[in-house]
PDB file of N, CA and C in Angstrom:
ATOM      1  N   MET A   1       1.260 -43.084 102.210  1.00  0.00           N
ATOM      2  CA  MET A   1       0.613 -41.834 102.141  1.00  0.00           C
ATOM      3  C   MET A   1       0.356 -41.440 100.695  1.00  0.00           C
ATOM      4  N   TYR A   2       1.299 -41.661  99.818  1.00  0.00           N
ATOM      5  CA  TYR A   2       1.200 -41.317  98.410  1.00  0.00           C
ATOM      6  C   TYR A   2      -0.002 -42.059  97.792  1.00  0.00           C
ATOM      7  N   GLU A   3      -0.116 -43.351  98.064  1.00  0.00           N
ATOM      8  CA  GLU A   3      -1.189 -44.097  97.500  1.00  0.00           C
ATOM      9  C   GLU A   3      -2.560 -43.553  97.906  1.00  0.00           C
ATOM     10  N   LYS A   4      -2.701 -43.211  99.176  1.00  0.00           N
ATOM     11  CA  LYS A   4      -3.997 -42.744  99.738  1.00  0.00           C
ATOM     12  C   LYS A   4      -4.287 -41.344  99.147  1.00  0.00           C
ATOM     13  N   LEU A   5      -3.328 -40.475  98.987  1.00  0.00           N
ATOM     14  CA  LEU A   5      -3.582 -39.181  98.449  1.00  0.00           C
ATOM     15  C   LEU A   5      -3.997 -39.256  96.940  1.00  0.00           C
ATOM     16  N   LYS A   6      -3.393 -40.142  96.208  1.00  0.00           N
ATOM     17  CA  LYS A   6      -3.672 -40.212  94.788  1.00  0.00           C
ATOM     18  C   LYS A   6      -5.043 -40.833  94.493  1.00  0.00           C
ATOM     19  N   GLU A   7      -5.594 -41.533  95.444  1.00  0.00           N
ATOM     20  CA  GLU A   7      -6.908 -42.157  95.268  1.00  0.00           C
ATOM     21  C   GLU A   7      -7.975 -41.169  94.835  1.00  0.00           C
ATOM     22  N   LYS A   8      -8.012 -40.051  95.575  1.00  0.00           N
ATOM     23  CA  LYS A   8      -9.012 -39.049  95.321  1.00  0.00           C
ATOM     24  C   LYS A   8      -8.422 -37.720  94.823  1.00  0.00           C
ATOM     25  N   GLY A   9      -7.111 -37.649  94.736  1.00  0.00           N
ATOM     26  CA  GLY A   9      -6.428 -36.438  94.301  1.00  0.00           C
ATOM     27  C   GLY A   9      -5.867 -36.484  92.911  1.00  0.00           C
ATOM     28  N   THR A  10      -5.050 -35.509  92.619  1.00  0.00           N
ATOM     29  CA  THR A  10      -4.439 -35.417  91.276  1.00  0.00           C
ATOM     30  C   THR A  10      -2.930 -35.429  91.439  1.00  0.00           C
ATOM     31  N   VAL A  11      -2.316 -36.386  90.686  1.00  0.00           N
ATOM     32  CA  VAL A  11      -0.864 -36.510  90.756  1.00  0.00           C
ATOM     33  C   VAL A  11      -0.264 -35.465  89.828  1.00  0.00           C
ATOM     34  N   ARG A  12       0.625 -34.595  90.301  1.00  0.00           N
ATOM     35  CA  ARG A  12       1.261 -33.617  89.478  1.00  0.00           C
ATOM     36  C   ARG A  12       2.617 -34.047  89.085  1.00  0.00           C
ATOM     37  N   PHE A  13       3.244 -34.887  89.915  1.00  0.00           N
ATOM     38  CA  PHE A  13       4.594 -35.417  89.697  1.00  0.00           C
ATOM     39  C   PHE A  13       4.597 -36.813  90.267  1.00  0.00           C
ATOM     40  N   GLU A  14       4.647 -37.819  89.384  1.00  0.00           N
ATOM     41  CA  GLU A  14       4.673 -39.264  89.832  1.00  0.00           C
ATOM     42  C   GLU A  14       5.799 -39.549  90.837  1.00  0.00           C
ATOM     43  N   LEU A  15       5.575 -40.449  91.768  1.00  0.00           N
ATOM     44  CA  LEU A  15       6.576 -40.931  92.680  1.00  0.00           C
ATOM     45  C   LEU A  15       7.740 -41.529  91.879  1.00  0.00           C
ATOM     46  N   GLN A  16       8.901 -40.955  92.008  1.00  0.00           N
ATOM     47  CA  GLN A  16      10.050 -41.450  91.289  1.00  0.00           C
ATOM     48  C   GLN A  16      11.352 -41.137  92.042  1.00  0.00           C
ATOM     49  N   LYS A  17      12.352 -41.947  91.678  1.00  0.00           N
ATOM     50  CA  LYS A  17      13.684 -41.807  92.348  1.00  0.00           C
ATOM     51  C   LYS A  17      14.327 -40.518  91.781  1.00  0.00           C
ATOM     52  N   THR A  18      14.975 -39.807  92.652  1.00  0.00           N
ATOM     53  CA  THR A  18      15.643 -38.521  92.316  1.00  0.00           C
ATOM     54  C   THR A  18      17.155 -38.617  92.391  1.00  0.00           C
ATOM     55  N   PHE A  19      17.793 -37.594  91.885  1.00  0.00           N
ATOM     56  CA  PHE A  19      19.301 -37.587  91.895  1.00  0.00           C
ATOM     57  C   PHE A  19      19.817 -37.377  93.241  1.00  0.00           C
ATOM     58  N   TRP A  20      19.059 -36.850  94.206  1.00  0.00           N
ATOM     59  CA  TRP A  20      19.517 -36.657  95.559  1.00  0.00           C
ATOM     60  C   TRP A  20      19.311 -37.823  96.480  1.00  0.00           C
ATOM     61  N   GLY A  21      18.939 -38.995  95.894  1.00  0.00           N
ATOM     62  CA  GLY A  21      18.876 -40.259  96.672  1.00  0.00           C
ATOM     63  C   GLY A  21      17.613 -40.435  97.462  1.00  0.00           C
ATOM     64  N   ALA A  22      16.527 -39.932  96.970  1.00  0.00           N
ATOM     65  CA  ALA A  22      15.227 -40.119  97.608  1.00  0.00           C
ATOM     66  C   ALA A  22      14.163 -40.393  96.542  1.00  0.00           C
ATOM     67  N   TYR A  23      12.920 -40.667  96.984  1.00  0.00           N
ATOM     68  CA  TYR A  23      11.774 -40.724  96.129  1.00  0.00           C
ATOM     69  C   TYR A  23      10.893 -39.502  96.339  1.00  0.00           C
ATOM     70  N   HIS A  24      10.467 -38.920  95.289  1.00  0.00           N
ATOM     71  CA  HIS A  24       9.752 -37.618  95.387  1.00  0.00           C
ATOM     72  C   HIS A  24       8.475 -37.677  94.587  1.00  0.00           C
ATOM     73  N   ALA A  25       7.418 -37.031  95.062  1.00  0.00           N
ATOM     74  CA  ALA A  25       6.123 -36.889  94.328  1.00  0.00           C
ATOM     75  C   ALA A  25       5.443 -35.647  94.781  1.00  0.00           C
ATOM     76  N   ILE A  26       4.567 -35.190  93.876  1.00  0.00           N
ATOM     77  CA  ILE A  26       3.700 -34.025  94.250  1.00  0.00           C
ATOM     78  C   ILE A  26       2.259 -34.436  93.900  1.00  0.00           C
ATOM     79  N   VAL A  27       1.413 -34.278  94.870  1.00  0.00           N
ATOM     80  CA  VAL A  27      -0.033 -34.656  94.721  1.00  0.00           C
ATOM     81  C   VAL A  27      -0.911 -33.532  95.261  1.00  0.00           C
ATOM     82  N   ILE A  28      -1.935 -33.225  94.539  1.00  0.00           N
ATOM     83  CA  ILE A  28      -2.972 -32.259  95.018  1.00  0.00           C
ATOM     84  C   ILE A  28      -4.165 -33.104  95.539  1.00  0.00           C
ATOM     85  N   ASP A  29      -4.464 -32.930  96.868  1.00  0.00           N
ATOM     86  CA  ASP A  29      -5.539 -33.782  97.424  1.00  0.00           C
ATOM     87  C   ASP A  29      -6.916 -33.321  96.996  1.00  0.00           C
ATOM     88  N   GLN A  30      -7.888 -34.044  97.450  1.00  0.00           N
ATOM     89  CA  GLN A  30      -9.301 -33.747  97.043  1.00  0.00           C
ATOM     90  C   GLN A  30      -9.833 -32.393  97.502  1.00  0.00           C
ATOM     91  N   TYR A  31      -9.057 -31.746  98.396  1.00  0.00           N
ATOM     92  CA  TYR A  31      -9.444 -30.418  98.921  1.00  0.00           C
ATOM     93  C   TYR A  31      -8.627 -29.279  98.283  1.00  0.00           C
ATOM     94  N   GLY A  32      -7.766 -29.645  97.399  1.00  0.00           N
ATOM     95  CA  GLY A  32      -6.949 -28.666  96.699  1.00  0.00           C
ATOM     96  C   GLY A  32      -5.629 -28.322  97.366  1.00  0.00           C
ATOM     97  N   ILE A  33      -5.262 -29.097  98.335  1.00  0.00           N
ATOM     98  CA  ILE A  33      -3.998 -28.852  99.075  1.00  0.00           C
ATOM     99  C   ILE A  33      -2.922 -29.652  98.391  1.00  0.00           C
ATOM    100  N   SER A  34      -1.837 -28.967  98.064  1.00  0.00           N
ATOM    101  CA  SER A  34      -0.663 -29.579  97.393  1.00  0.00           C
ATOM    102  C   SER A  34       0.259 -30.220  98.361  1.00  0.00           C
ATOM    103  N   TRP A  35       0.638 -31.452  98.122  1.00  0.00           N
ATOM    104  CA  TRP A  35       1.562 -32.251  98.981  1.00  0.00           C
ATOM    105  C   TRP A  35       2.810 -32.530  98.230  1.00  0.00           C
ATOM    106  N   SER A  36       3.949 -32.124  98.786  1.00  0.00           N
ATOM    107  CA  SER A  36       5.243 -32.523  98.227  1.00  0.00           C
ATOM    108  C   SER A  36       5.793 -33.608  99.105  1.00  0.00           C
ATOM    109  N   LEU A  37       5.898 -34.778  98.621  1.00  0.00           N
ATOM    110  CA  LEU A  37       6.336 -35.924  99.410  1.00  0.00           C
ATOM    111  C   LEU A  37       7.796 -36.312  99.073  1.00  0.00           C
ATOM    112  N   ASN A  38       8.554 -36.625 100.063  1.00  0.00           N
ATOM    113  CA  ASN A  38       9.941 -36.953  99.884  1.00  0.00           C
ATOM    114  C   ASN A  38      10.278 -38.097 100.801  1.00  0.00           C
ATOM    115  N   TYR A  39      10.627 -39.272 100.284  1.00  0.00           N
ATOM    116  CA  TYR A  39      10.884 -40.472 101.065  1.00  0.00           C
ATOM    117  C   TYR A  39      12.333 -40.841 100.871  1.00  0.00           C
ATOM    118  N   PRO A  40      13.049 -41.141 101.983  1.00  0.00           N
ATOM    119  CA  PRO A  40      14.407 -41.541 101.864  1.00  0.00           C
ATOM    120  C   PRO A  40      14.530 -42.924 101.082  1.00  0.00           C
ATOM    121  N   GLU A  41      15.602 -43.070 100.428  1.00  0.00           N
ATOM    122  CA  GLU A  41      15.816 -44.301  99.574  1.00  0.00           C
ATOM    123  C   GLU A  41      15.913 -45.547 100.404  1.00  0.00           C
ATOM    124  N   ASN A  42      16.514 -45.472 101.554  1.00  0.00           N
ATOM    125  CA  ASN A  42      16.715 -46.696 102.360  1.00  0.00           C
ATOM    126  C   ASN A  42      15.510 -47.106 103.052  1.00  0.00           C
TER     127      ASN A  42
END
């Protein structure tokens, strides 16, 4: 989902590992909707 959103959107926070054991990113899509993505590490 991250890759698809960033194709036409704006990445505000790159997908990266967090201290709480997940991967997190923030992307604004082509329609101006902000997405906060959180993927488990495993």
